């Protein structure tokens, strides 16, 4: 079964004393529904290592990696988002900076 045959849906989150817990359901073609939870420490938010609005995406990407690694049947249903996961997300979603960001506009203005 490929990952294209499943539907991953974000259900919601719950704020707990030490973490935010994000819940997802995964539905397979045979209408089998499984629930997964992923947690991010509150300290990661307070330390600005992740933004609140990015957290569901961070968790979704981690869950999809686990599903892909284990052919849609990972051994666990609860995962912690690590600092490495947050760094991977940040590096893959940070804007590309260019030393010559305005060079093309300046050249256009000279004409």
PDB file of N, CA and C in Angstrom:
ATOM      1  N   UNK A   1       0.858  -1.177   0.000  1.00  0.00           N
ATOM      2  CA  UNK A   1       0.000   0.000   0.000  1.00  0.00           C
ATOM      3  C   UNK A   1       0.901   1.236   0.000  1.00  0.00           C
ATOM      4  N   UNK A   2       0.611   2.188  -0.853  1.00  0.00           N
ATOM      5  CA  UNK A   2       1.406   3.404  -0.906  1.00  0.00           C
ATOM      6  C   UNK A   2       0.797   4.465  -0.017  1.00  0.00           C
ATOM      7  N   UNK A   3       1.599   5.481   0.249  1.00  0.00           N
ATOM      8  CA  UNK A   3       1.119   6.567   1.100  1.00  0.00           C
ATOM      9  C   UNK A   3      -0.005   7.345   0.420  1.00  0.00           C
ATOM     10  N   UNK A   4      -0.113   7.255  -0.894  1.00  0.00           N
ATOM     11  CA  UNK A   4      -1.176   7.952  -1.618  1.00  0.00           C
ATOM     12  C   UNK A   4      -2.547   7.361  -1.308  1.00  0.00           C
ATOM     13  N   UNK A   5      -2.570   6.158  -0.770  1.00  0.00           N
ATOM     14  CA  UNK A   5      -3.840   5.496  -0.481  1.00  0.00           C
ATOM     15  C   UNK A   5      -4.393   5.821   0.903  1.00  0.00           C
ATOM     16  N   UNK A   6      -3.751   6.735   1.606  1.00  0.00           N
ATOM     17  CA  UNK A   6      -4.216   7.087   2.947  1.00  0.00           C
ATOM     18  C   UNK A   6      -4.549   8.562   3.016  1.00  0.00           C
ATOM     19  N   UNK A   7      -5.348   8.910   3.991  1.00  0.00           N
ATOM     20  CA  UNK A   7      -5.708  10.309   4.239  1.00  0.00           C
ATOM     21  C   UNK A   7      -5.264  10.641   5.658  1.00  0.00           C
ATOM     22  N   UNK A   8      -4.421  11.668   5.763  1.00  0.00           N
ATOM     23  CA  UNK A   8      -3.963  12.143   7.068  1.00  0.00           C
ATOM     24  C   UNK A   8      -4.732  13.421   7.376  1.00  0.00           C
ATOM     25  N   UNK A   9      -5.387  13.461   8.520  1.00  0.00           N
ATOM     26  CA  UNK A   9      -6.212  14.610   8.880  1.00  0.00           C
ATOM     27  C   UNK A   9      -5.843  15.119  10.268  1.00  0.00           C
ATOM     28  N   UNK A  10      -5.608  16.425  10.349  1.00  0.00           N
ATOM     29  CA  UNK A  10      -5.349  17.074  11.634  1.00  0.00           C
ATOM     30  C   UNK A  10      -6.675  17.228  12.358  1.00  0.00           C
ATOM     31  N   UNK A  11      -6.748  16.739  13.586  1.00  0.00           N
ATOM     32  CA  UNK A  11      -7.986  16.778  14.366  1.00  0.00           C
ATOM     33  C   UNK A  11      -8.001  17.976  15.302  1.00  0.00           C
ATOM     34  N   UNK A  12      -6.871  18.238  15.965  1.00  0.00           N
ATOM     35  CA  UNK A  12      -6.804  19.355  16.897  1.00  0.00           C
ATOM     36  C   UNK A  12      -5.624  19.204  17.828  1.00  0.00           C
ATOM     37  N   UNK A  13      -5.569  20.097  18.813  1.00  0.00           N
ATOM     38  CA  UNK A  13      -4.476  20.036  19.773  1.00  0.00           C
ATOM     39  C   UNK A  13      -5.003  20.314  21.162  1.00  0.00           C
ATOM     40  N   UNK A  14      -4.197  19.915  22.127  1.00  0.00           N
ATOM     41  CA  UNK A  14      -4.531  20.153  23.527  1.00  0.00           C
ATOM     42  C   UNK A  14      -3.283  20.685  24.220  1.00  0.00           C
ATOM     43  N   UNK A  15      -3.462  21.759  24.988  1.00  0.00           N
ATOM     44  CA  UNK A  15      -2.352  22.331  25.745  1.00  0.00           C
ATOM     45  C   UNK A  15      -2.271  21.595  27.076  1.00  0.00           C
ATOM     46  N   UNK A  16      -1.095  21.055  27.352  1.00  0.00           N
ATOM     47  CA  UNK A  16      -0.854  20.350  28.602  1.00  0.00           C
ATOM     48  C   UNK A  16       0.245  21.093  29.356  1.00  0.00           C
ATOM     49  N   UNK A  17       0.496  20.728  30.601  1.00  0.00           N
ATOM     50  CA  UNK A  17       1.479  21.484  31.387  1.00  0.00           C
ATOM     51  C   UNK A  17       2.872  21.593  30.745  1.00  0.00           C
ATOM     52  N   UNK A  18       3.358  20.529  30.112  1.00  0.00           N
ATOM     53  CA  UNK A  18       4.714  20.562  29.556  1.00  0.00           C
ATOM     54  C   UNK A  18       4.769  20.525  28.032  1.00  0.00           C
ATOM     55  N   UNK A  19       3.667  20.147  27.396  1.00  0.00           N
ATOM     56  CA  UNK A  19       3.662  19.978  25.940  1.00  0.00           C
ATOM     57  C   UNK A  19       2.351  20.458  25.330  1.00  0.00           C
ATOM     58  N   UNK A  20       2.388  20.613  24.024  1.00  0.00           N
ATOM     59  CA  UNK A  20       1.161  20.717  23.239  1.00  0.00           C
ATOM     60  C   UNK A  20       1.040  19.397  22.504  1.00  0.00           C
ATOM     61  N   UNK A  21      -0.119  18.792  22.593  1.00  0.00           N
ATOM     62  CA  UNK A  21      -0.341  17.487  21.982  1.00  0.00           C
ATOM     63  C   UNK A  21      -1.240  17.649  20.759  1.00  0.00           C
ATOM     64  N   UNK A  22      -0.739  17.225  19.622  1.00  0.00           N
ATOM     65  CA  UNK A  22      -1.450  17.353  18.344  1.00  0.00           C
ATOM     66  C   UNK A  22      -1.981  15.988  17.944  1.00  0.00           C
ATOM     67  N   UNK A  23      -3.258  15.935  17.579  1.00  0.00           N
ATOM     68  CA  UNK A  23      -3.908  14.676  17.230  1.00  0.00           C
ATOM     69  C   UNK A  23      -4.219  14.637  15.743  1.00  0.00           C
ATOM     70  N   UNK A  24      -3.918  13.500  15.134  1.00  0.00           N
ATOM     71  CA  UNK A  24      -4.182  13.264  13.716  1.00  0.00           C
ATOM     72  C   UNK A  24      -4.891  11.920  13.574  1.00  0.00           C
ATOM     73  N   UNK A  25      -5.720  11.815  12.564  1.00  0.00           N
ATOM     74  CA  UNK A  25      -6.264  10.509  12.197  1.00  0.00           C
ATOM     75  C   UNK A  25      -5.690  10.142  10.837  1.00  0.00           C
ATOM     76  N   UNK A  26      -5.523   8.853  10.650  1.00  0.00           N
ATOM     77  CA  UNK A  26      -5.055   8.315   9.382  1.00  0.00           C
ATOM     78  C   UNK A  26      -6.102   7.305   8.931  1.00  0.00           C
ATOM     79  N   UNK A  27      -6.641   7.553   7.739  1.00  0.00           N
ATOM     80  CA  UNK A  27      -7.694   6.680   7.198  1.00  0.00           C
ATOM     81  C   UNK A  27      -7.144   5.935   5.987  1.00  0.00           C
ATOM     82  N   UNK A  28      -7.334   4.623   6.024  1.00  0.00           N
ATOM     83  CA  UNK A  28      -6.909   3.772   4.920  1.00  0.00           C
ATOM     84  C   UNK A  28      -8.105   3.478   4.019  1.00  0.00           C
ATOM     85  N   UNK A  29      -7.845   2.960   2.807  1.00  0.00           N
ATOM     86  CA  UNK A  29      -8.944   2.688   1.873  1.00  0.00           C
ATOM     87  C   UNK A  29     -10.033   1.772   2.438  1.00  0.00           C
ATOM     88  N   UNK A  30      -9.684   0.853   3.312  1.00  0.00           N
ATOM     89  CA  UNK A  30     -10.678  -0.064   3.873  1.00  0.00           C
ATOM     90  C   UNK A  30     -11.447   0.573   5.028  1.00  0.00           C
ATOM     91  N   UNK A  31     -11.411   1.914   5.103  1.00  0.00           N
ATOM     92  CA  UNK A  31     -12.074   2.678   6.161  1.00  0.00           C
ATOM     93  C   UNK A  31     -11.539   2.368   7.554  1.00  0.00           C
ATOM     94  N   UNK A  32     -10.319   1.891   7.626  1.00  0.00           N
ATOM     95  CA  UNK A  32      -9.661   1.689   8.910  1.00  0.00           C
ATOM     96  C   UNK A  32      -9.120   3.043   9.343  1.00  0.00           C
ATOM     97  N   UNK A  33      -9.516   3.475  10.544  1.00  0.00           N
ATOM     98  CA  UNK A  33      -9.082   4.774  11.050  1.00  0.00           C
ATOM     99  C   UNK A  33      -8.196   4.545  12.267  1.00  0.00           C
ATOM    100  N   UNK A  34      -7.013   5.162  12.230  1.00  0.00           N
ATOM    101  CA  UNK A  34      -6.095   5.090  13.360  1.00  0.00           C
ATOM    102  C   UNK A  34      -5.819   6.502  13.848  1.00  0.00           C
ATOM    103  N   UNK A  35      -5.594   6.644  15.139  1.00  0.00           N
ATOM    104  CA  UNK A  35      -5.314   7.954  15.724  1.00  0.00           C
ATOM    105  C   UNK A  35      -3.860   8.004  16.179  1.00  0.00           C
ATOM    106  N   UNK A  36      -3.212   9.133  15.887  1.00  0.00           N
ATOM    107  CA  UNK A  36      -1.825   9.358  16.274  1.00  0.00           C
ATOM    108  C   UNK A  36      -1.737  10.675  17.022  1.00  0.00           C
ATOM    109  N   UNK A  37      -0.862  10.720  18.014  1.00  0.00           N
ATOM    110  CA  UNK A  37      -0.596  11.972  18.716  1.00  0.00           C
ATOM    111  C   UNK A  37       0.882  12.287  18.608  1.00  0.00           C
ATOM    112  N   UNK A  38       1.160  13.562  18.471  1.00  0.00           N
ATOM    113  CA  UNK A  38       2.529  14.051  18.423  1.00  0.00           C
ATOM    114  C   UNK A  38       2.629  15.211  19.379  1.00  0.00           C
ATOM    115  N   UNK A  39       3.747  15.310  20.082  1.00  0.00           N
ATOM    116  CA  UNK A  39       3.891  16.376  21.068  1.00  0.00           C
ATOM    117  C   UNK A  39       5.101  17.249  20.762  1.00  0.00           C
ATOM    118  N   UNK A  40       4.938  18.511  21.102  1.00  0.00           N
ATOM    119  CA  UNK A  40       6.021  19.492  21.038  1.00  0.00           C
ATOM    120  C   UNK A  40       6.079  20.149  22.411  1.00  0.00           C
ATOM    121  N   UNK A  41       7.262  20.241  22.960  1.00  0.00           N
ATOM    122  CA  UNK A  41       7.394  20.835  24.295  1.00  0.00           C
ATOM    123  C   UNK A  41       7.009  22.312  24.259  1.00  0.00           C
ATOM    124  N   UNK A  42       6.415  22.773  25.343  1.00  0.00           N
ATOM    125  CA  UNK A  42       6.089  24.197  25.452  1.00  0.00           C
ATOM    126  C   UNK A  42       7.355  25.042  25.390  1.00  0.00           C
ATOM    127  N   UNK A  43       8.462  24.492  25.886  1.00  0.00           N
ATOM    128  CA  UNK A  43       9.731  25.207  25.861  1.00  0.00           C
ATOM    129  C   UNK A  43      10.184  25.500  24.427  1.00  0.00           C
ATOM    130  N   UNK A  44       9.865  24.615  23.496  1.00  0.00           N
ATOM    131  CA  UNK A  44      10.224  24.850  22.091  1.00  0.00           C
ATOM    132  C   UNK A  44       9.494  26.077  21.546  1.00  0.00           C
ATOM    133  N   UNK A  45       8.257  26.277  21.981  1.00  0.00           N
ATOM    134  CA  UNK A  45       7.512  27.468  21.563  1.00  0.00           C
ATOM    135  C   UNK A  45       8.058  28.709  22.263  1.00  0.00           C
ATOM    136  N   UNK A  46       8.263  28.592  23.571  1.00  0.00           N
ATOM    137  CA  UNK A  46       8.763  29.729  24.348  1.00  0.00           C
ATOM    138  C   UNK A  46      10.166  30.137  23.914  1.00  0.00           C
ATOM    139  N   UNK A  47      10.969  29.167  23.495  1.00  0.00           N
ATOM    140  CA  UNK A  47      12.322  29.444  23.022  1.00  0.00           C
ATOM    141  C   UNK A  47      12.369  29.840  21.556  1.00  0.00           C
ATOM    142  N   UNK A  48      11.208  29.995  20.943  1.00  0.00           N
ATOM    143  CA  UNK A  48      11.066  30.416  19.547  1.00  0.00           C
ATOM    144  C   UNK A  48      11.744  29.475  18.553  1.00  0.00           C
ATOM    145  N   UNK A  49      11.763  28.186  18.896  1.00  0.00           N
ATOM    146  CA  UNK A  49      12.290  27.202  17.956  1.00  0.00           C
ATOM    147  C   UNK A  49      11.214  26.735  16.991  1.00  0.00           C
ATOM    148  N   UNK A  50       9.966  27.013  17.339  1.00  0.00           N
ATOM    149  CA  UNK A  50       8.850  26.695  16.446  1.00  0.00           C
ATOM    150  C   UNK A  50       7.744  27.712  16.702  1.00  0.00           C
ATOM    151  N   UNK A  51       7.040  28.075  15.641  1.00  0.00           N
ATOM    152  CA  UNK A  51       5.909  28.997  15.780  1.00  0.00           C
ATOM    153  C   UNK A  51       4.627  28.187  15.952  1.00  0.00           C
ATOM    154  N   UNK A  52       3.689  28.741  16.703  1.00  0.00           N
ATOM    155  CA  UNK A  52       2.424  28.045  16.950  1.00  0.00           C
ATOM    156  C   UNK A  52       1.736  27.680  15.638  1.00  0.00           C
ATOM    157  N   UNK A  53       1.759  28.586  14.668  1.00  0.00           N
ATOM    158  CA  UNK A  53       1.057  28.331  13.412  1.00  0.00           C
ATOM    159  C   UNK A  53       1.756  27.264  12.560  1.00  0.00           C
ATOM    160  N   UNK A  54       3.034  26.971  12.834  1.00  0.00           N
ATOM    161  CA  UNK A  54       3.752  25.951  12.073  1.00  0.00           C
ATOM    162  C   UNK A  54       3.648  24.565  12.701  1.00  0.00           C
ATOM    163  N   UNK A  55       3.239  24.491  13.937  1.00  0.00           N
ATOM    164  CA  UNK A  55       3.252  23.224  14.675  1.00  0.00           C
ATOM    165  C   UNK A  55       2.455  22.102  14.001  1.00  0.00           C
ATOM    166  N   UNK A  56       1.229  22.334  13.524  1.00  0.00           N
ATOM    167  CA  UNK A  56       0.525  21.230  12.858  1.00  0.00           C
ATOM    168  C   UNK A  56       1.277  20.710  11.623  1.00  0.00           C
ATOM    169  N   UNK A  57       1.910  21.604  10.884  1.00  0.00           N
ATOM    170  CA  UNK A  57       2.672  21.188   9.705  1.00  0.00           C
ATOM    171  C   UNK A  57       3.902  20.386  10.105  1.00  0.00           C
ATOM    172  N   UNK A  58       4.593  20.833  11.150  1.00  0.00           N
ATOM    173  CA  UNK A  58       5.755  20.101  11.666  1.00  0.00           C
ATOM    174  C   UNK A  58       5.332  18.678  12.045  1.00  0.00           C
ATOM    175  N   UNK A  59       4.242  18.571  12.762  1.00  0.00           N
ATOM    176  CA  UNK A  59       3.753  17.262  13.208  1.00  0.00           C
ATOM    177  C   UNK A  59       3.301  16.406  12.023  1.00  0.00           C
ATOM    178  N   UNK A  60       2.619  17.013  11.087  1.00  0.00           N
ATOM    179  CA  UNK A  60       2.151  16.277   9.912  1.00  0.00           C
ATOM    180  C   UNK A  60       3.317  15.696   9.123  1.00  0.00           C
ATOM    181  N   UNK A  61       4.357  16.486   8.947  1.00  0.00           N
ATOM    182  CA  UNK A  61       5.523  16.002   8.205  1.00  0.00           C
ATOM    183  C   UNK A  61       6.196  14.838   8.935  1.00  0.00           C
ATOM    184  N   UNK A  62       6.318  14.943  10.248  1.00  0.00           N
ATOM    185  CA  UNK A  62       6.902  13.851  11.039  1.00  0.00           C
ATOM    186  C   UNK A  62       6.054  12.587  10.910  1.00  0.00           C
ATOM    187  N   UNK A  63       4.736  12.728  11.025  1.00  0.00           N
ATOM    188  CA  UNK A  63       3.847  11.580  10.918  1.00  0.00           C
ATOM    189  C   UNK A  63       3.945  10.953   9.530  1.00  0.00           C
ATOM    190  N   UNK A  64       3.966  11.765   8.498  1.00  0.00           N
ATOM    191  CA  UNK A  64       4.075  11.236   7.130  1.00  0.00           C
ATOM    192  C   UNK A  64       5.405  10.501   6.919  1.00  0.00           C
ATOM    193  N   UNK A  65       6.482  11.007   7.525  1.00  0.00           N
ATOM    194  CA  UNK A  65       7.769  10.300   7.436  1.00  0.00           C
ATOM    195  C   UNK A  65       7.676   8.931   8.102  1.00  0.00           C
ATOM    196  N   UNK A  66       7.047   8.897   9.281  1.00  0.00           N
ATOM    197  CA  UNK A  66       6.895   7.619   9.986  1.00  0.00           C
ATOM    198  C   UNK A  66       6.037   6.649   9.176  1.00  0.00           C
ATOM    199  N   UNK A  67       4.961   7.144   8.603  1.00  0.00           N
ATOM    200  CA  UNK A  67       4.106   6.290   7.781  1.00  0.00           C
ATOM    201  C   UNK A  67       4.868   5.751   6.579  1.00  0.00           C
ATOM    202  N   UNK A  68       5.645   6.597   5.933  1.00  0.00           N
ATOM    203  CA  UNK A  68       6.411   6.172   4.758  1.00  0.00           C
ATOM    204  C   UNK A  68       7.483   5.152   5.143  1.00  0.00           C
ATOM    205  N   UNK A  69       8.128   5.375   6.268  1.00  0.00           N
ATOM    206  CA  UNK A  69       9.190   4.466   6.717  1.00  0.00           C
ATOM    207  C   UNK A  69       8.653   3.074   7.014  1.00  0.00           C
ATOM    208  N   UNK A  70       7.467   2.999   7.573  1.00  0.00           N
ATOM    209  CA  UNK A  70       6.906   1.713   8.001  1.00  0.00           C
ATOM    210  C   UNK A  70       5.729   1.256   7.138  1.00  0.00           C
ATOM    211  N   UNK A  71       5.729   1.638   5.870  1.00  0.00           N
ATOM    212  CA  UNK A  71       4.693   1.221   4.917  1.00  0.00           C
ATOM    213  C   UNK A  71       3.287   1.433   5.473  1.00  0.00           C
ATOM    214  N   UNK A  72       3.077   2.622   6.045  1.00  0.00           N
ATOM    215  CA  UNK A  72       1.787   3.069   6.597  1.00  0.00           C
ATOM    216  C   UNK A  72       1.380   2.381   7.889  1.00  0.00           C
ATOM    217  N   UNK A  73       2.260   1.596   8.494  1.00  0.00           N
ATOM    218  CA  UNK A  73       1.940   0.918   9.751  1.00  0.00           C
ATOM    219  C   UNK A  73       3.085   1.073  10.744  1.00  0.00           C
ATOM    220  N   UNK A  74       3.304   2.311  11.211  1.00  0.00           N
ATOM    221  CA  UNK A  74       4.388   2.514  12.181  1.00  0.00           C
ATOM    222  C   UNK A  74       4.092   1.770  13.479  1.00  0.00           C
ATOM    223  N   UNK A  75       5.156   1.408  14.205  1.00  0.00           N
ATOM    224  CA  UNK A  75       4.973   0.611  15.425  1.00  0.00           C
ATOM    225  C   UNK A  75       4.309   1.373  16.574  1.00  0.00           C
ATOM    226  N   UNK A  76       4.392   2.695  16.559  1.00  0.00           N
ATOM    227  CA  UNK A  76       3.814   3.469  17.652  1.00  0.00           C
ATOM    228  C   UNK A  76       2.698   4.383  17.180  1.00  0.00           C
ATOM    229  N   UNK A  77       1.992   4.941  18.147  1.00  0.00           N
ATOM    230  CA  UNK A  77       0.939   5.907  17.823  1.00  0.00           C
ATOM    231  C   UNK A  77       1.207   7.261  18.477  1.00  0.00           C
ATOM    232  N   UNK A  78       2.325   7.366  19.201  1.00  0.00           N
ATOM    233  CA  UNK A  78       2.680   8.622  19.845  1.00  0.00           C
ATOM    234  C   UNK A  78       4.133   8.944  19.519  1.00  0.00           C
ATOM    235  N   UNK A  79       4.361  10.192  19.067  1.00  0.00           N
ATOM    236  CA  UNK A  79       5.703  10.626  18.695  1.00  0.00           C
ATOM    237  C   UNK A  79       6.002  11.981  19.313  1.00  0.00           C
ATOM    238  N   UNK A  80       7.259  12.166  19.678  1.00  0.00           N
ATOM    239  CA  UNK A  80       7.727  13.460  20.181  1.00  0.00           C
ATOM    240  C   UNK A  80       8.477  14.165  19.070  1.00  0.00           C
ATOM    241  N   UNK A  81       8.218  15.440  18.927  1.00  0.00           N
ATOM    242  CA  UNK A  81       8.970  16.243  17.966  1.00  0.00           C
ATOM    243  C   UNK A  81      10.275  16.636  18.652  1.00  0.00           C
ATOM    244  N   UNK A  82      11.382  16.288  18.023  1.00  0.00           N
ATOM    245  CA  UNK A  82      12.700  16.545  18.603  1.00  0.00           C
ATOM    246  C   UNK A  82      13.265  17.872  18.089  1.00  0.00           C
ATOM    247  N   UNK A  83      14.345  18.308  18.715  1.00  0.00           N
ATOM    248  CA  UNK A  83      15.032  19.500  18.228  1.00  0.00           C
ATOM    249  C   UNK A  83      15.515  19.290  16.794  1.00  0.00           C
ATOM    250  N   UNK A  84      15.932  18.068  16.479  1.00  0.00           N
ATOM    251  CA  UNK A  84      16.367  17.764  15.107  1.00  0.00           C
ATOM    252  C   UNK A  84      15.207  17.912  14.123  1.00  0.00           C
ATOM    253  N   UNK A  85      14.010  17.471  14.511  1.00  0.00           N
ATOM    254  CA  UNK A  85      12.825  17.641  13.657  1.00  0.00           C
ATOM    255  C   UNK A  85      12.551  19.122  13.416  1.00  0.00           C
ATOM    256  N   UNK A  86      12.652  19.909  14.481  1.00  0.00           N
ATOM    257  CA  UNK A  86      12.399  21.355  14.362  1.00  0.00           C
ATOM    258  C   UNK A  86      13.436  22.020  13.475  1.00  0.00           C
ATOM    259  N   UNK A  87      14.691  21.613  13.599  1.00  0.00           N
ATOM    260  CA  UNK A  87      15.747  22.192  12.767  1.00  0.00           C
ATOM    261  C   UNK A  87      15.560  21.800  11.299  1.00  0.00           C
ATOM    262  N   UNK A  88      15.177  20.554  11.050  1.00  0.00           N
ATOM    263  CA  UNK A  88      14.895  20.118   9.671  1.00  0.00           C
ATOM    264  C   UNK A  88      13.778  20.955   9.064  1.00  0.00           C
ATOM    265  N   UNK A  89      12.735  21.173   9.843  1.00  0.00           N
ATOM    266  CA  UNK A  89      11.605  21.967   9.350  1.00  0.00           C
ATOM    267  C   UNK A  89      12.047  23.398   9.073  1.00  0.00           C
ATOM    268  N   UNK A  90      12.761  23.987  10.013  1.00  0.00           N
ATOM    269  CA  UNK A  90      13.189  25.380   9.865  1.00  0.00           C
ATOM    270  C   UNK A  90      14.088  25.549   8.637  1.00  0.00           C
ATOM    271  N   UNK A  91      15.035  24.636   8.464  1.00  0.00           N
ATOM    272  CA  UNK A  91      15.961  24.774   7.340  1.00  0.00           C
ATOM    273  C   UNK A  91      15.272  24.543   6.001  1.00  0.00           C
ATOM    274  N   UNK A  92      14.265  23.695   5.976  1.00  0.00           N
ATOM    275  CA  UNK A  92      13.574  23.447   4.703  1.00  0.00           C
ATOM    276  C   UNK A  92      12.482  24.481   4.409  1.00  0.00           C
ATOM    277  N   UNK A  93      12.116  25.284   5.398  1.00  0.00           N
ATOM    278  CA  UNK A  93      11.065  26.281   5.197  1.00  0.00           C
ATOM    279  C   UNK A  93      11.533  27.717   5.359  1.00  0.00           C
ATOM    280  N   UNK A  94      12.823  27.920   5.552  1.00  0.00           N
ATOM    281  CA  UNK A  94      13.300  29.294   5.698  1.00  0.00           C
ATOM    282  C   UNK A  94      13.466  29.907   4.317  1.00  0.00           C
ATOM    283  N   UNK A  95      13.215  31.189   4.201  1.00  0.00           N
ATOM    284  CA  UNK A  95      13.337  31.834   2.889  1.00  0.00           C
ATOM    285  C   UNK A  95      14.786  31.819   2.424  1.00  0.00           C
ATOM    286  N   UNK A  96      14.947  31.650   1.140  1.00  0.00           N
ATOM    287  CA  UNK A  96      16.282  31.663   0.552  1.00  0.00           C
ATOM    288  C   UNK A  96      16.748  33.110   0.466  1.00  0.00           C
ATOM    289  N   UNK A  97      17.886  33.390   1.073  1.00  0.00           N
ATOM    290  CA  UNK A  97      18.390  34.753   1.015  1.00  0.00           C
ATOM    291  C   UNK A  97      19.337  34.876  -0.163  1.00  0.00           C
ATOM    292  N   UNK A  98      19.361  36.048  -0.728  1.00  0.00           N
ATOM    293  CA  UNK A  98      20.229  36.319  -1.862  1.00  0.00           C
ATOM    294  C   UNK A  98      21.028  37.570  -1.560  1.00  0.00           C
ATOM    295  N   UNK A  99      22.310  37.520  -1.845  1.00  0.00           N
ATOM    296  CA  UNK A  99      23.152  38.689  -1.610  1.00  0.00           C
ATOM    297  C   UNK A  99      22.766  39.827  -2.542  1.00  0.00           C
ATOM    298  N   UNK A 100      22.226  39.473  -3.665  1.00  0.00           N
ATOM    299  CA  UNK A 100      21.870  40.472  -4.674  1.00  0.00           C
ATOM    300  C   UNK A 100      20.355  40.539  -4.833  1.00  0.00           C
ATOM    301  N   UNK A 101      19.680  40.612  -3.727  1.00  0.00           N
ATOM    302  CA  UNK A 101      18.221  40.551  -3.707  1.00  0.00           C
ATOM    303  C   UNK A 101      17.574  41.616  -4.587  1.00  0.00           C
ATOM    304  N   UNK A 102      18.121  42.836  -4.584  1.00  0.00           N
ATOM    305  CA  UNK A 102      17.511  43.918  -5.329  1.00  0.00           C
ATOM    306  C   UNK A 102      18.279  44.244  -6.612  1.00  0.00           C
ATOM    307  N   UNK A 103      19.251  43.447  -6.949  1.00  0.00           N
ATOM    308  CA  UNK A 103      20.081  43.723  -8.125  1.00  0.00           C
ATOM    309  C   UNK A 103      19.257  43.753  -9.400  1.00  0.00           C
ATOM    310  N   UNK A 104      18.342  42.820  -9.580  1.00  0.00           N
ATOM    311  CA  UNK A 104      17.568  42.783 -10.818  1.00  0.00           C
ATOM    312  C   UNK A 104      16.627  43.982 -10.912  1.00  0.00           C
ATOM    313  N   UNK A 105      16.059  44.411  -9.809  1.00  0.00           N
ATOM    314  CA  UNK A 105      15.192  45.601  -9.838  1.00  0.00           C
ATOM    315  C   UNK A 105      15.989  46.847 -10.184  1.00  0.00           C
ATOM    316  N   UNK A 106      17.166  46.961  -9.618  1.00  0.00           N
ATOM    317  CA  UNK A 106      18.005  48.119  -9.881  1.00  0.00           C
ATOM    318  C   UNK A 106      18.378  48.160 -11.365  1.00  0.00           C
ATOM    319  N   UNK A 107      18.718  47.011 -11.934  1.00  0.00           N
ATOM    320  CA  UNK A 107      19.066  46.957 -13.355  1.00  0.00           C
ATOM    321  C   UNK A 107      17.851  47.350 -14.209  1.00  0.00           C
ATOM    322  N   UNK A 108      16.644  46.927 -13.820  1.00  0.00           N
ATOM    323  CA  UNK A 108      15.433  47.272 -14.558  1.00  0.00           C
ATOM    324  C   UNK A 108      15.169  48.774 -14.481  1.00  0.00           C
ATOM    325  N   UNK A 109      15.436  49.379 -13.335  1.00  0.00           N
ATOM    326  CA  UNK A 109      15.174  50.801 -13.149  1.00  0.00           C
ATOM    327  C   UNK A 109      16.115  51.662 -13.971  1.00  0.00           C
ATOM    328  N   UNK A 110      17.304  51.154 -14.251  1.00  0.00           N
ATOM    329  CA  UNK A 110      18.284  51.933 -15.007  1.00  0.00           C
ATOM    330  C   UNK A 110      17.888  52.060 -16.467  1.00  0.00           C
ATOM    331  N   UNK A 111      17.029  51.184 -16.958  1.00  0.00           N
ATOM    332  CA  UNK A 111      16.625  51.248 -18.367  1.00  0.00           C
ATOM    333  C   UNK A 111      15.563  52.226 -18.568  1.00  0.00           C
TER     334      UNK A 111
END
